Every structure is written in C-alpha cells, then in structure tokens.
C-alpha cells in the first residue's frame, strides 16, 4: 500500500487509532500519531485540529526521531523554565 501524500486531510485517511504522549497537557498542546494500515507509515496530526492535515512519515523516519529524542538530541528546543525531568 502506498502512503498518502503529506498534508492530506485526516478525513481522507482510513479510520485509525490516534495516540498522544502521556505528557500532553489538557489544553491540547500536543501532536497525535497513528499507524497507517498495513504498516505503510505513520501519520502525525495536531490534536487541536483533528480533521486538519496530517504529515506522513515512514516507520524509519519516526524511529530516527524517537530515538534521537530519547538520546536528548532535541533537548535544546525546550526552554529551561519548563522543568525538564
């Protein structure tokens, strides 16, 4: 199965289970991810605009991002006042 194009409206995607981080806050400042059918990619959307556009990434791209985040590669993007733990 070919992945849909980046920026596809979520309403044009098949039904999927969207997940967000347990660190998300109640004001909706988070992104949600869902696996595309057949493992053909990962869709990412803004939780405040659930029917808006979704960015589509390969599993390898998401793996690189998650592992980089786990390694602290993006820590400099979070202001020190946010109390990282």
C-alpha atoms as a PDB file:
ATOM      1  CA  UNK A   1       0.000   0.000   0.000  1.00  0.00           C
ATOM      2  CA  UNK A   2       1.331   3.403  -0.957  1.00  0.00           C
ATOM      3  CA  UNK A   3       1.342   6.090   1.715  1.00  0.00           C
ATOM      4  CA  UNK A   4      -0.934   9.089   1.250  1.00  0.00           C
ATOM      5  CA  UNK A   5       0.757  12.409   0.445  1.00  0.00           C
ATOM      6  CA  UNK A   6       1.934  14.814   3.155  1.00  0.00           C
ATOM      7  CA  UNK A   7      -0.685  17.340   4.121  1.00  0.00           C
ATOM      8  CA  UNK A   8      -3.589  15.003   3.377  1.00  0.00           C
ATOM      9  CA  UNK A   9      -6.744  15.954   5.302  1.00  0.00           C
ATOM     10  CA  UNK A  10      -7.294  13.468   8.126  1.00  0.00           C
ATOM     11  CA  UNK A  11     -10.853  12.999   6.874  1.00  0.00           C
ATOM     12  CA  UNK A  12      -9.387  11.363   3.742  1.00  0.00           C
ATOM     13  CA  UNK A  13      -7.470   8.759   5.770  1.00  0.00           C
ATOM     14  CA  UNK A  14      -8.957   5.448   6.864  1.00  0.00           C
ATOM     15  CA  UNK A  15     -10.113   5.201  10.491  1.00  0.00           C
ATOM     16  CA  UNK A  16      -7.066   4.858  12.743  1.00  0.00           C
ATOM     17  CA  UNK A  17      -6.282   4.808  16.435  1.00  0.00           C
ATOM     18  CA  UNK A  18      -4.619   8.136  17.254  1.00  0.00           C
ATOM     19  CA  UNK A  19      -2.227   8.217  20.216  1.00  0.00           C
ATOM     20  CA  UNK A  20      -0.659  11.086  22.108  1.00  0.00           C
ATOM     21  CA  UNK A  21       2.009  11.315  24.755  1.00  0.00           C
ATOM     22  CA  UNK A  22       1.087  10.856  28.393  1.00  0.00           C
ATOM     23  CA  UNK A  23       2.978  14.130  28.866  1.00  0.00           C
ATOM     24  CA  UNK A  24       0.389  16.033  26.842  1.00  0.00           C
ATOM     25  CA  UNK A  25      -1.494  18.693  28.738  1.00  0.00           C
ATOM     26  CA  UNK A  26      -5.250  19.308  28.958  1.00  0.00           C
ATOM     27  CA  UNK A  27      -5.068  22.484  26.861  1.00  0.00           C
ATOM     28  CA  UNK A  28      -4.442  20.376  23.754  1.00  0.00           C
ATOM     29  CA  UNK A  29      -0.823  21.332  23.122  1.00  0.00           C
ATOM     30  CA  UNK A  30       0.176  18.042  21.607  1.00  0.00           C
ATOM     31  CA  UNK A  31       0.568  16.020  18.463  1.00  0.00           C
ATOM     32  CA  UNK A  32      -1.032  12.651  17.845  1.00  0.00           C
ATOM     33  CA  UNK A  33       0.364   9.736  15.870  1.00  0.00           C
ATOM     34  CA  UNK A  34      -1.341   6.799  14.167  1.00  0.00           C
ATOM     35  CA  UNK A  35      -0.046   3.818  12.227  1.00  0.00           C
ATOM     36  CA  UNK A  36      -1.320   3.690   8.660  1.00  0.00           C
ATOM     37  CA  UNK A  37      -2.972   0.428   7.600  1.00  0.00           C
ATOM     38  CA  UNK A  38      -0.540  -2.266   6.582  1.00  0.00           C
ATOM     39  CA  UNK A  39       2.332  -0.578   8.399  1.00  0.00           C
ATOM     40  CA  UNK A  40       2.934   1.683   5.388  1.00  0.00           C
ATOM     41  CA  UNK A  41       3.776   4.719   7.505  1.00  0.00           C
ATOM     42  CA  UNK A  42       2.921   6.911  10.467  1.00  0.00           C
ATOM     43  CA  UNK A  43       0.518   9.843  10.319  1.00  0.00           C
ATOM     44  CA  UNK A  44       1.051  12.862  12.599  1.00  0.00           C
ATOM     45  CA  UNK A  45      -1.604  15.493  13.305  1.00  0.00           C
ATOM     46  CA  UNK A  46      -2.171  18.499  15.542  1.00  0.00           C
ATOM     47  CA  UNK A  47      -4.577  17.458  18.315  1.00  0.00           C
ATOM     48  CA  UNK A  48      -6.237  20.884  18.252  1.00  0.00           C
ATOM     49  CA  UNK A  49      -7.160  20.355  14.593  1.00  0.00           C
ATOM     50  CA  UNK A  50      -8.078  16.660  14.397  1.00  0.00           C
ATOM     51  CA  UNK A  51      -9.593  16.953  10.909  1.00  0.00           C
ATOM     52  CA  UNK A  52      -6.781  19.126   9.588  1.00  0.00           C
ATOM     53  CA  UNK A  53      -3.785  17.997   7.569  1.00  0.00           C
ATOM     54  CA  UNK A  54      -1.666  15.029   8.560  1.00  0.00           C
ATOM     55  CA  UNK A  55       2.020  14.674   7.893  1.00  0.00           C
ATOM     56  CA  UNK A  56       3.014  11.192   6.749  1.00  0.00           C
ATOM     57  CA  UNK A  57       6.353   9.653   7.740  1.00  0.00           C
ATOM     58  CA  UNK A  58       7.959   6.292   7.153  1.00  0.00           C
ATOM     59  CA  UNK A  59       8.483   3.999  10.115  1.00  0.00           C
ATOM     60  CA  UNK A  60      12.252   4.553   9.708  1.00  0.00           C
ATOM     61  CA  UNK A  61      11.803   8.345   9.921  1.00  0.00           C
ATOM     62  CA  UNK A  62       9.709   8.071  13.098  1.00  0.00           C
ATOM     63  CA  UNK A  63      12.213   5.626  14.575  1.00  0.00           C
ATOM     64  CA  UNK A  64      15.076   8.063  13.930  1.00  0.00           C
ATOM     65  CA  UNK A  65      13.110  10.904  15.529  1.00  0.00           C
ATOM     66  CA  UNK A  66      12.016   8.925  18.605  1.00  0.00           C
ATOM     67  CA  UNK A  67      15.493   7.532  19.200  1.00  0.00           C
ATOM     68  CA  UNK A  68      17.008  10.994  18.739  1.00  0.00           C
ATOM     69  CA  UNK A  69      14.525  12.434  21.239  1.00  0.00           C
ATOM     70  CA  UNK A  70      15.336   9.617  23.650  1.00  0.00           C
ATOM     71  CA  UNK A  71      19.050  10.431  23.268  1.00  0.00           C
ATOM     72  CA  UNK A  72      18.410  14.120  24.025  1.00  0.00           C
ATOM     73  CA  UNK A  73      19.131  15.421  20.515  1.00  0.00           C
ATOM     74  CA  UNK A  74      16.290  17.958  20.773  1.00  0.00           C
ATOM     75  CA  UNK A  75      16.559  18.962  24.431  1.00  0.00           C
ATOM     76  CA  UNK A  76      17.879  22.385  23.421  1.00  0.00           C
ATOM     77  CA  UNK A  77      14.455  23.155  21.885  1.00  0.00           C
ATOM     78  CA  UNK A  78      12.711  23.038  25.285  1.00  0.00           C
ATOM     79  CA  UNK A  79      13.121  26.191  27.391  1.00  0.00           C
ATOM     80  CA  UNK A  80      14.892  25.539  30.721  1.00  0.00           C
ATOM     81  CA  UNK A  81      11.922  27.114  32.540  1.00  0.00           C
ATOM     82  CA  UNK A  82       9.758  24.133  31.528  1.00  0.00           C
ATOM     83  CA  UNK A  83      11.369  21.966  34.217  1.00  0.00           C
ATOM     84  CA  UNK A  84      12.588  19.051  32.142  1.00  0.00           C
ATOM     85  CA  UNK A  85      12.966  15.803  34.018  1.00  0.00           C
END
